[in-house]
Amino acid sequence: AVDGINMEGNKSLEEIVEDKKVGD
């Protein structure tokens, strides 16, 4: 999981972090 979002069957890692900012 990334930030509480389960990876299995959900968004890819790239999709999860694309709305975040450098330094987060």
mmCIF file of all heavy atoms, coordinates in Angstrom:
data_MODEL
# 
_entry.id   MODEL 
# 
loop_
_atom_site.group_PDB 
_atom_site.id 
_atom_site.type_symbol 
_atom_site.label_atom_id 
_atom_site.label_alt_id 
_atom_site.label_comp_id 
_atom_site.label_asym_id 
_atom_site.label_entity_id 
_atom_site.label_seq_id 
_atom_site.pdbx_PDB_ins_code 
_atom_site.Cartn_x 
_atom_site.Cartn_y 
_atom_site.Cartn_z 
_atom_site.occupancy 
_atom_site.B_iso_or_equiv 
_atom_site.pdbx_formal_charge 
_atom_site.auth_seq_id 
_atom_site.auth_comp_id 
_atom_site.auth_asym_id 
_atom_site.auth_atom_id 
_atom_site.pdbx_PDB_model_num 
ATOM 1   N N   . ALA A 1 1  ? 0.839  -1.197 0.000   1.00 0.00 ? 1  ALA A N   1 
ATOM 2   C CA  . ALA A 1 1  ? 0.000  0.000  0.000   1.00 0.00 ? 1  ALA A CA  1 
ATOM 3   C C   . ALA A 1 1  ? 0.874  1.246  0.000   1.00 0.00 ? 1  ALA A C   1 
ATOM 4   O O   . ALA A 1 1  ? 2.000  1.241  0.498   1.00 0.00 ? 1  ALA A O   1 
ATOM 5   C CB  . ALA A 1 1  ? -0.926 0.006  1.210   1.00 0.00 ? 1  ALA A CB  1 
ATOM 6   N N   . VAL A 1 2  ? 0.340  2.331  -0.578  1.00 0.00 ? 2  VAL A N   1 
ATOM 7   C CA  . VAL A 1 2  ? 1.020  3.628  -0.606  1.00 0.00 ? 2  VAL A CA  1 
ATOM 8   C C   . VAL A 1 2  ? 0.050  4.669  -0.044  1.00 0.00 ? 2  VAL A C   1 
ATOM 9   O O   . VAL A 1 2  ? -1.054 4.863  -0.592  1.00 0.00 ? 2  VAL A O   1 
ATOM 10  C CB  . VAL A 1 2  ? 1.455  4.004  -2.041  1.00 0.00 ? 2  VAL A CB  1 
ATOM 11  C CG1 . VAL A 1 2  ? 2.086  5.394  -2.040  1.00 0.00 ? 2  VAL A CG1 1 
ATOM 12  C CG2 . VAL A 1 2  ? 2.417  2.970  -2.598  1.00 0.00 ? 2  VAL A CG2 1 
ATOM 13  N N   . ASP A 1 3  ? 0.456  5.298  1.050   1.00 0.00 ? 3  ASP A N   1 
ATOM 14  C CA  . ASP A 1 3  ? -0.405 6.284  1.727   1.00 0.00 ? 3  ASP A CA  1 
ATOM 15  C C   . ASP A 1 3  ? -1.794 5.706  2.001   1.00 0.00 ? 3  ASP A C   1 
ATOM 16  O O   . ASP A 1 3  ? -2.830 6.378  1.813   1.00 0.00 ? 3  ASP A O   1 
ATOM 17  C CB  . ASP A 1 3  ? -0.512 7.566  0.891   1.00 0.00 ? 3  ASP A CB  1 
ATOM 18  C CG  . ASP A 1 3  ? 0.582  8.561  1.230   1.00 0.00 ? 3  ASP A CG  1 
ATOM 19  O OD1 . ASP A 1 3  ? 1.396  8.263  2.139   1.00 0.00 ? 3  ASP A OD1 1 
ATOM 20  O OD2 . ASP A 1 3  ? 0.645  9.615  0.581   1.00 0.00 ? 3  ASP A OD2 1 
ATOM 21  N N   . GLY A 1 4  ? -1.834 4.458  2.423   1.00 0.00 ? 4  GLY A N   1 
ATOM 22  C CA  . GLY A 1 4  ? -3.084 3.821  2.797   1.00 0.00 ? 4  GLY A CA  1 
ATOM 23  C C   . GLY A 1 4  ? -3.886 3.271  1.634   1.00 0.00 ? 4  GLY A C   1 
ATOM 24  O O   . GLY A 1 4  ? -4.934 2.641  1.844   1.00 0.00 ? 4  GLY A O   1 
ATOM 25  N N   . ILE A 1 5  ? -3.429 3.497  0.403   1.00 0.00 ? 5  ILE A N   1 
ATOM 26  C CA  . ILE A 1 5  ? -4.140 2.977  -0.775  1.00 0.00 ? 5  ILE A CA  1 
ATOM 27  C C   . ILE A 1 5  ? -3.568 1.614  -1.138  1.00 0.00 ? 5  ILE A C   1 
ATOM 28  O O   . ILE A 1 5  ? -2.381 1.488  -1.445  1.00 0.00 ? 5  ILE A O   1 
ATOM 29  C CB  . ILE A 1 5  ? -4.004 3.932  -1.982  1.00 0.00 ? 5  ILE A CB  1 
ATOM 30  C CG1 . ILE A 1 5  ? -4.586 5.309  -1.628  1.00 0.00 ? 5  ILE A CG1 1 
ATOM 31  C CG2 . ILE A 1 5  ? -4.709 3.350  -3.206  1.00 0.00 ? 5  ILE A CG2 1 
ATOM 32  C CD1 . ILE A 1 5  ? -4.388 6.338  -2.710  1.00 0.00 ? 5  ILE A CD1 1 
ATOM 33  N N   . ASN A 1 6  ? -4.425 0.591  -1.073  1.00 0.00 ? 6  ASN A N   1 
ATOM 34  C CA  . ASN A 1 6  ? -3.987 -0.767 -1.382  1.00 0.00 ? 6  ASN A CA  1 
ATOM 35  C C   . ASN A 1 6  ? -3.611 -0.865 -2.861  1.00 0.00 ? 6  ASN A C   1 
ATOM 36  O O   . ASN A 1 6  ? -4.368 -0.438 -3.727  1.00 0.00 ? 6  ASN A O   1 
ATOM 37  C CB  . ASN A 1 6  ? -5.113 -1.760 -1.047  1.00 0.00 ? 6  ASN A CB  1 
ATOM 38  C CG  . ASN A 1 6  ? -4.599 -3.191 -0.995  1.00 0.00 ? 6  ASN A CG  1 
ATOM 39  O OD1 . ASN A 1 6  ? -3.934 -3.641 -1.907  1.00 0.00 ? 6  ASN A OD1 1 
ATOM 40  N ND2 . ASN A 1 6  ? -4.925 -3.885 0.088   1.00 0.00 ? 6  ASN A ND2 1 
ATOM 41  N N   . MET A 1 7  ? -2.436 -1.449 -3.125  1.00 0.00 ? 7  MET A N   1 
ATOM 42  C CA  . MET A 1 7  ? -1.934 -1.521 -4.495  1.00 0.00 ? 7  MET A CA  1 
ATOM 43  C C   . MET A 1 7  ? -2.669 -2.573 -5.321  1.00 0.00 ? 7  MET A C   1 
ATOM 44  O O   . MET A 1 7  ? -2.834 -2.421 -6.527  1.00 0.00 ? 7  MET A O   1 
ATOM 45  C CB  . MET A 1 7  ? -0.443 -1.848 -4.500  1.00 0.00 ? 7  MET A CB  1 
ATOM 46  C CG  . MET A 1 7  ? 0.422  -0.762 -3.907  1.00 0.00 ? 7  MET A CG  1 
ATOM 47  S SD  . MET A 1 7  ? 0.421  0.725  -4.945  1.00 0.00 ? 7  MET A SD  1 
ATOM 48  C CE  . MET A 1 7  ? 1.221  0.109  -6.412  1.00 0.00 ? 7  MET A CE  1 
ATOM 49  N N   . GLU A 1 8  ? -3.104 -3.635 -4.705  1.00 0.00 ? 8  GLU A N   1 
ATOM 50  C CA  . GLU A 1 8  ? -3.703 -4.737 -5.451  1.00 0.00 ? 8  GLU A CA  1 
ATOM 51  C C   . GLU A 1 8  ? -5.059 -4.335 -6.018  1.00 0.00 ? 8  GLU A C   1 
ATOM 52  O O   . GLU A 1 8  ? -5.986 -4.001 -5.289  1.00 0.00 ? 8  GLU A O   1 
ATOM 53  C CB  . GLU A 1 8  ? -3.855 -5.964 -4.551  1.00 0.00 ? 8  GLU A CB  1 
ATOM 54  C CG  . GLU A 1 8  ? -4.305 -7.207 -5.311  1.00 0.00 ? 8  GLU A CG  1 
ATOM 55  C CD  . GLU A 1 8  ? -4.286 -8.450 -4.434  1.00 0.00 ? 8  GLU A CD  1 
ATOM 56  O OE1 . GLU A 1 8  ? -3.782 -8.366 -3.295  1.00 0.00 ? 8  GLU A OE1 1 
ATOM 57  O OE2 . GLU A 1 8  ? -4.769 -9.499 -4.898  1.00 0.00 ? 8  GLU A OE2 1 
ATOM 58  N N   . GLY A 1 9  ? -5.148 -4.344 -7.345  1.00 0.00 ? 9  GLY A N   1 
ATOM 59  C CA  . GLY A 1 9  ? -6.411 -4.050 -8.024  1.00 0.00 ? 9  GLY A CA  1 
ATOM 60  C C   . GLY A 1 9  ? -6.770 -2.589 -8.066  1.00 0.00 ? 9  GLY A C   1 
ATOM 61  O O   . GLY A 1 9  ? -7.879 -2.236 -8.482  1.00 0.00 ? 9  GLY A O   1 
ATOM 62  N N   . ASN A 1 10 ? -5.875 -1.692 -7.645  1.00 0.00 ? 10 ASN A N   1 
ATOM 63  C CA  . ASN A 1 10 ? -6.165 -0.261 -7.661  1.00 0.00 ? 10 ASN A CA  1 
ATOM 64  C C   . ASN A 1 10 ? -5.190 0.478  -8.566  1.00 0.00 ? 10 ASN A C   1 
ATOM 65  O O   . ASN A 1 10 ? -4.631 -0.096 -9.496  1.00 0.00 ? 10 ASN A O   1 
ATOM 66  C CB  . ASN A 1 10 ? -6.116 0.297  -6.233  1.00 0.00 ? 10 ASN A CB  1 
ATOM 67  C CG  . ASN A 1 10 ? -7.312 -0.117 -5.414  1.00 0.00 ? 10 ASN A CG  1 
ATOM 68  O OD1 . ASN A 1 10 ? -8.437 0.203  -5.761  1.00 0.00 ? 10 ASN A OD1 1 
ATOM 69  N ND2 . ASN A 1 10 ? -7.070 -0.835 -4.325  1.00 0.00 ? 10 ASN A ND2 1 
ATOM 70  N N   . LYS A 1 11 ? -4.960 1.724  -8.273  1.00 0.00 ? 11 LYS A N   1 
ATOM 71  C CA  . LYS A 1 11 ? -4.073 2.549  -9.080  1.00 0.00 ? 11 LYS A CA  1 
ATOM 72  C C   . LYS A 1 11 ? -2.642 2.041  -9.037  1.00 0.00 ? 11 LYS A C   1 
ATOM 73  O O   . LYS A 1 11 ? -2.228 1.390  -8.080  1.00 0.00 ? 11 LYS A O   1 
ATOM 74  C CB  . LYS A 1 11 ? -4.108 3.991  -8.574  1.00 0.00 ? 11 LYS A CB  1 
ATOM 75  C CG  . LYS A 1 11 ? -5.432 4.710  -8.752  1.00 0.00 ? 11 LYS A CG  1 
ATOM 76  C CD  . LYS A 1 11 ? -5.333 6.130  -8.221  1.00 0.00 ? 11 LYS A CD  1 
ATOM 77  C CE  . LYS A 1 11 ? -6.615 6.898  -8.414  1.00 0.00 ? 11 LYS A CE  1 
ATOM 78  N NZ  . LYS A 1 11 ? -6.494 8.289  -7.888  1.00 0.00 ? 11 LYS A NZ  1 
ATOM 79  N N   . SER A 1 12 ? -1.910 2.394  -10.073 1.00 0.00 ? 12 SER A N   1 
ATOM 80  C CA  . SER A 1 12 ? -0.486 2.092  -10.075 1.00 0.00 ? 12 SER A CA  1 
ATOM 81  C C   . SER A 1 12 ? 0.235  3.077  -9.168  1.00 0.00 ? 12 SER A C   1 
ATOM 82  O O   . SER A 1 12 ? -0.324 4.115  -8.777  1.00 0.00 ? 12 SER A O   1 
ATOM 83  C CB  . SER A 1 12 ? 0.085  2.188  -11.492 1.00 0.00 ? 12 SER A CB  1 
ATOM 84  O OG  . SER A 1 12 ? 0.061  3.546  -11.928 1.00 0.00 ? 12 SER A OG  1 
ATOM 85  N N   . LEU A 1 13 ? 1.460  2.769  -8.811  1.00 0.00 ? 13 LEU A N   1 
ATOM 86  C CA  . LEU A 1 13 ? 2.261  3.651  -7.973  1.00 0.00 ? 13 LEU A CA  1 
ATOM 87  C C   . LEU A 1 13 ? 2.401  5.021  -8.615  1.00 0.00 ? 13 LEU A C   1 
ATOM 88  O O   . LEU A 1 13 ? 2.305  6.062  -7.946  1.00 0.00 ? 13 LEU A O   1 
ATOM 89  C CB  . LEU A 1 13 ? 3.635  3.018  -7.729  1.00 0.00 ? 13 LEU A CB  1 
ATOM 90  C CG  . LEU A 1 13 ? 4.627  3.829  -6.899  1.00 0.00 ? 13 LEU A CG  1 
ATOM 91  C CD1 . LEU A 1 13 ? 4.080  4.059  -5.491  1.00 0.00 ? 13 LEU A CD1 1 
ATOM 92  C CD2 . LEU A 1 13 ? 5.967  3.100  -6.823  1.00 0.00 ? 13 LEU A CD2 1 
ATOM 93  N N   . GLU A 1 14 ? 2.632  5.041  -9.934  1.00 0.00 ? 14 GLU A N   1 
ATOM 94  C CA  . GLU A 1 14 ? 2.787  6.316  -10.643 1.00 0.00 ? 14 GLU A CA  1 
ATOM 95  C C   . GLU A 1 14 ? 1.517  7.165  -10.550 1.00 0.00 ? 14 GLU A C   1 
ATOM 96  O O   . GLU A 1 14 ? 1.580  8.391  -10.398 1.00 0.00 ? 14 GLU A O   1 
ATOM 97  C CB  . GLU A 1 14 ? 3.145  6.058  -12.115 1.00 0.00 ? 14 GLU A CB  1 
ATOM 98  C CG  . GLU A 1 14 ? 4.541  5.489  -12.350 1.00 0.00 ? 14 GLU A CG  1 
ATOM 99  C CD  . GLU A 1 14 ? 4.659  4.029  -11.949 1.00 0.00 ? 14 GLU A CD  1 
ATOM 100 O OE1 . GLU A 1 14 ? 3.606  3.348  -11.821 1.00 0.00 ? 14 GLU A OE1 1 
ATOM 101 O OE2 . GLU A 1 14 ? 5.795  3.566  -11.754 1.00 0.00 ? 14 GLU A OE2 1 
ATOM 102 N N   . GLU A 1 15 ? 0.377  6.509  -10.669 1.00 0.00 ? 15 GLU A N   1 
ATOM 103 C CA  . GLU A 1 15 ? -0.894 7.240  -10.590 1.00 0.00 ? 15 GLU A CA  1 
ATOM 104 C C   . GLU A 1 15 ? -1.139 7.788  -9.190  1.00 0.00 ? 15 GLU A C   1 
ATOM 105 O O   . GLU A 1 15 ? -1.702 8.883  -9.027  1.00 0.00 ? 15 GLU A O   1 
ATOM 106 C CB  . GLU A 1 15 ? -2.050 6.313  -10.990 1.00 0.00 ? 15 GLU A CB  1 
ATOM 107 C CG  . GLU A 1 15 ? -2.052 5.949  -12.466 1.00 0.00 ? 15 GLU A CG  1 
ATOM 108 C CD  . GLU A 1 15 ? -3.100 4.895  -12.792 1.00 0.00 ? 15 GLU A CD  1 
ATOM 109 O OE1 . GLU A 1 15 ? -3.354 4.015  -11.934 1.00 0.00 ? 15 GLU A OE1 1 
ATOM 110 O OE2 . GLU A 1 15 ? -3.652 4.938  -13.908 1.00 0.00 ? 15 GLU A OE2 1 
ATOM 111 N N   . ILE A 1 16 ? -0.708 7.063  -8.174  1.00 0.00 ? 16 ILE A N   1 
ATOM 112 C CA  . ILE A 1 16 ? -0.915 7.508  -6.789  1.00 0.00 ? 16 ILE A CA  1 
ATOM 113 C C   . ILE A 1 16 ? -0.097 8.754  -6.481  1.00 0.00 ? 16 ILE A C   1 
ATOM 114 O O   . ILE A 1 16 ? -0.570 9.680  -5.802  1.00 0.00 ? 16 ILE A O   1 
ATOM 115 C CB  . ILE A 1 16 ? -0.573 6.375  -5.804  1.00 0.00 ? 16 ILE A CB  1 
ATOM 116 C CG1 . ILE A 1 16 ? -1.574 5.227  -5.946  1.00 0.00 ? 16 ILE A CG1 1 
ATOM 117 C CG2 . ILE A 1 16 ? -0.544 6.884  -4.363  1.00 0.00 ? 16 ILE A CG2 1 
ATOM 118 C CD1 . ILE A 1 16 ? -1.222 3.995  -5.132  1.00 0.00 ? 16 ILE A CD1 1 
ATOM 119 N N   . VAL A 1 17 ? 1.131  8.821  -6.993  1.00 0.00 ? 17 VAL A N   1 
ATOM 120 C CA  . VAL A 1 17 ? 2.015  9.934  -6.629  1.00 0.00 ? 17 VAL A CA  1 
ATOM 121 C C   . VAL A 1 17 ? 1.967  11.095 -7.616  1.00 0.00 ? 17 VAL A C   1 
ATOM 122 O O   . VAL A 1 17 ? 2.560  12.153 -7.353  1.00 0.00 ? 17 VAL A O   1 
ATOM 123 C CB  . VAL A 1 17 ? 3.477  9.447  -6.482  1.00 0.00 ? 17 VAL A CB  1 
ATOM 124 C CG1 . VAL A 1 17 ? 3.581  8.341  -5.462  1.00 0.00 ? 17 VAL A CG1 1 
ATOM 125 C CG2 . VAL A 1 17 ? 4.068  9.012  -7.825  1.00 0.00 ? 17 VAL A CG2 1 
ATOM 126 N N   . GLU A 1 18 ? 1.257  10.936 -8.741  1.00 0.00 ? 18 GLU A N   1 
ATOM 127 C CA  . GLU A 1 18 ? 1.325  11.972 -9.776  1.00 0.00 ? 18 GLU A CA  1 
ATOM 128 C C   . GLU A 1 18 ? 0.745  13.314 -9.305  1.00 0.00 ? 18 GLU A C   1 
ATOM 129 O O   . GLU A 1 18 ? 1.121  14.379 -9.828  1.00 0.00 ? 18 GLU A O   1 
ATOM 130 C CB  . GLU A 1 18 ? 0.610  11.503 -11.046 1.00 0.00 ? 18 GLU A CB  1 
ATOM 131 C CG  . GLU A 1 18 ? -0.883 11.308 -10.911 1.00 0.00 ? 18 GLU A CG  1 
ATOM 132 C CD  . GLU A 1 18 ? -1.512 10.813 -12.214 1.00 0.00 ? 18 GLU A CD  1 
ATOM 133 O OE1 . GLU A 1 18 ? -0.773 10.721 -13.219 1.00 0.00 ? 18 GLU A OE1 1 
ATOM 134 O OE2 . GLU A 1 18 ? -2.729 10.525 -12.223 1.00 0.00 ? 18 GLU A OE2 1 
ATOM 135 N N   . ASP A 1 19 ? -0.156 13.286 -8.335  1.00 0.00 ? 19 ASP A N   1 
ATOM 136 C CA  . ASP A 1 19 ? -0.749 14.537 -7.836  1.00 0.00 ? 19 ASP A CA  1 
ATOM 137 C C   . ASP A 1 19 ? 0.024  15.118 -6.649  1.00 0.00 ? 19 ASP A C   1 
ATOM 138 O O   . ASP A 1 19 ? -0.341 16.177 -6.128  1.00 0.00 ? 19 ASP A O   1 
ATOM 139 C CB  . ASP A 1 19 ? -2.200 14.301 -7.423  1.00 0.00 ? 19 ASP A CB  1 
ATOM 140 C CG  . ASP A 1 19 ? -3.098 13.970 -8.607  1.00 0.00 ? 19 ASP A CG  1 
ATOM 141 O OD1 . ASP A 1 19 ? -2.793 14.461 -9.717  1.00 0.00 ? 19 ASP A OD1 1 
ATOM 142 O OD2 . ASP A 1 19 ? -4.072 13.217 -8.423  1.00 0.00 ? 19 ASP A OD2 1 
ATOM 143 N N   . LYS A 1 20 ? 1.059  14.427 -6.225  1.00 0.00 ? 20 LYS A N   1 
ATOM 144 C CA  . LYS A 1 20 ? 1.861  14.927 -5.109  1.00 0.00 ? 20 LYS A CA  1 
ATOM 145 C C   . LYS A 1 20 ? 2.982  15.819 -5.629  1.00 0.00 ? 20 LYS A C   1 
ATOM 146 O O   . LYS A 1 20 ? 3.206  15.939 -6.837  1.00 0.00 ? 20 LYS A O   1 
ATOM 147 C CB  . LYS A 1 20 ? 2.403  13.751 -4.295  1.00 0.00 ? 20 LYS A CB  1 
ATOM 148 C CG  . LYS A 1 20 ? 1.289  12.901 -3.674  1.00 0.00 ? 20 LYS A CG  1 
ATOM 149 C CD  . LYS A 1 20 ? 1.829  11.839 -2.764  1.00 0.00 ? 20 LYS A CD  1 
ATOM 150 C CE  . LYS A 1 20 ? 0.693  11.014 -2.159  1.00 0.00 ? 20 LYS A CE  1 
ATOM 151 N NZ  . LYS A 1 20 ? -0.197 11.839 -1.295  1.00 0.00 ? 20 LYS A NZ  1 
ATOM 152 N N   . LYS A 1 21 ? 3.678  16.434 -4.702  1.00 0.00 ? 21 LYS A N   1 
ATOM 153 C CA  . LYS A 1 21 ? 4.731  17.369 -5.076  1.00 0.00 ? 21 LYS A CA  1 
ATOM 154 C C   . LYS A 1 21 ? 6.096  16.846 -4.668  1.00 0.00 ? 21 LYS A C   1 
ATOM 155 O O   . LYS A 1 21 ? 6.216  16.036 -3.741  1.00 0.00 ? 21 LYS A O   1 
ATOM 156 C CB  . LYS A 1 21 ? 4.477  18.723 -4.408  1.00 0.00 ? 21 LYS A CB  1 
ATOM 157 C CG  . LYS A 1 21 ? 3.200  19.413 -4.866  1.00 0.00 ? 21 LYS A CG  1 
ATOM 158 C CD  . LYS A 1 21 ? 3.023  20.756 -4.152  1.00 0.00 ? 21 LYS A CD  1 
ATOM 159 C CE  . LYS A 1 21 ? 1.752  21.447 -4.609  1.00 0.00 ? 21 LYS A CE  1 
ATOM 160 N NZ  . LYS A 1 21 ? 1.557  22.758 -3.907  1.00 0.00 ? 21 LYS A NZ  1 
ATOM 161 N N   . VAL A 1 22 ? 7.093  17.333 -5.372  1.00 0.00 ? 22 VAL A N   1 
ATOM 162 C CA  . VAL A 1 22 ? 8.471  17.014 -5.011  1.00 0.00 ? 22 VAL A CA  1 
ATOM 163 C C   . VAL A 1 22 ? 8.728  17.494 -3.584  1.00 0.00 ? 22 VAL A C   1 
ATOM 164 O O   . VAL A 1 22 ? 8.399  18.626 -3.226  1.00 0.00 ? 22 VAL A O   1 
ATOM 165 C CB  . VAL A 1 22 ? 9.462  17.686 -5.986  1.00 0.00 ? 22 VAL A CB  1 
ATOM 166 C CG1 . VAL A 1 22 ? 10.904 17.484 -5.517  1.00 0.00 ? 22 VAL A CG1 1 
ATOM 167 C CG2 . VAL A 1 22 ? 9.272  17.135 -7.386  1.00 0.00 ? 22 VAL A CG2 1 
ATOM 168 N N   . GLY A 1 23 ? 9.264  16.623 -2.751  1.00 0.00 ? 23 GLY A N   1 
ATOM 169 C CA  . GLY A 1 23 ? 9.510  16.943 -1.352  1.00 0.00 ? 23 GLY A CA  1 
ATOM 170 C C   . GLY A 1 23 ? 8.474  16.363 -0.412  1.00 0.00 ? 23 GLY A C   1 
ATOM 171 O O   . GLY A 1 23 ? 8.709  16.277 0.803   1.00 0.00 ? 23 GLY A O   1 
ATOM 172 N N   . ASP A 1 24 ? 7.304  15.952 -0.972  1.00 0.00 ? 24 ASP A N   1 
ATOM 173 C CA  . ASP A 1 24 ? 6.286  15.318 -0.130  1.00 0.00 ? 24 ASP A CA  1 
ATOM 174 C C   . ASP A 1 24 ? 6.801  13.988 0.394   1.00 0.00 ? 24 ASP A C   1 
ATOM 175 O O   . ASP A 1 24 ? 7.591  13.289 -0.264  1.00 0.00 ? 24 ASP A O   1 
ATOM 176 C CB  . ASP A 1 24 ? 4.998  15.081 -0.925  1.00 0.00 ? 24 ASP A CB  1 
ATOM 177 C CG  . ASP A 1 24 ? 4.206  16.361 -1.145  1.00 0.00 ? 24 ASP A CG  1 
ATOM 178 O OD1 . ASP A 1 24 ? 4.606  17.398 -0.593  1.00 0.00 ? 24 ASP A OD1 1 
ATOM 179 O OD2 . ASP A 1 24 ? 3.214  16.323 -1.893  1.00 0.00 ? 24 ASP A OD2 1 
# 
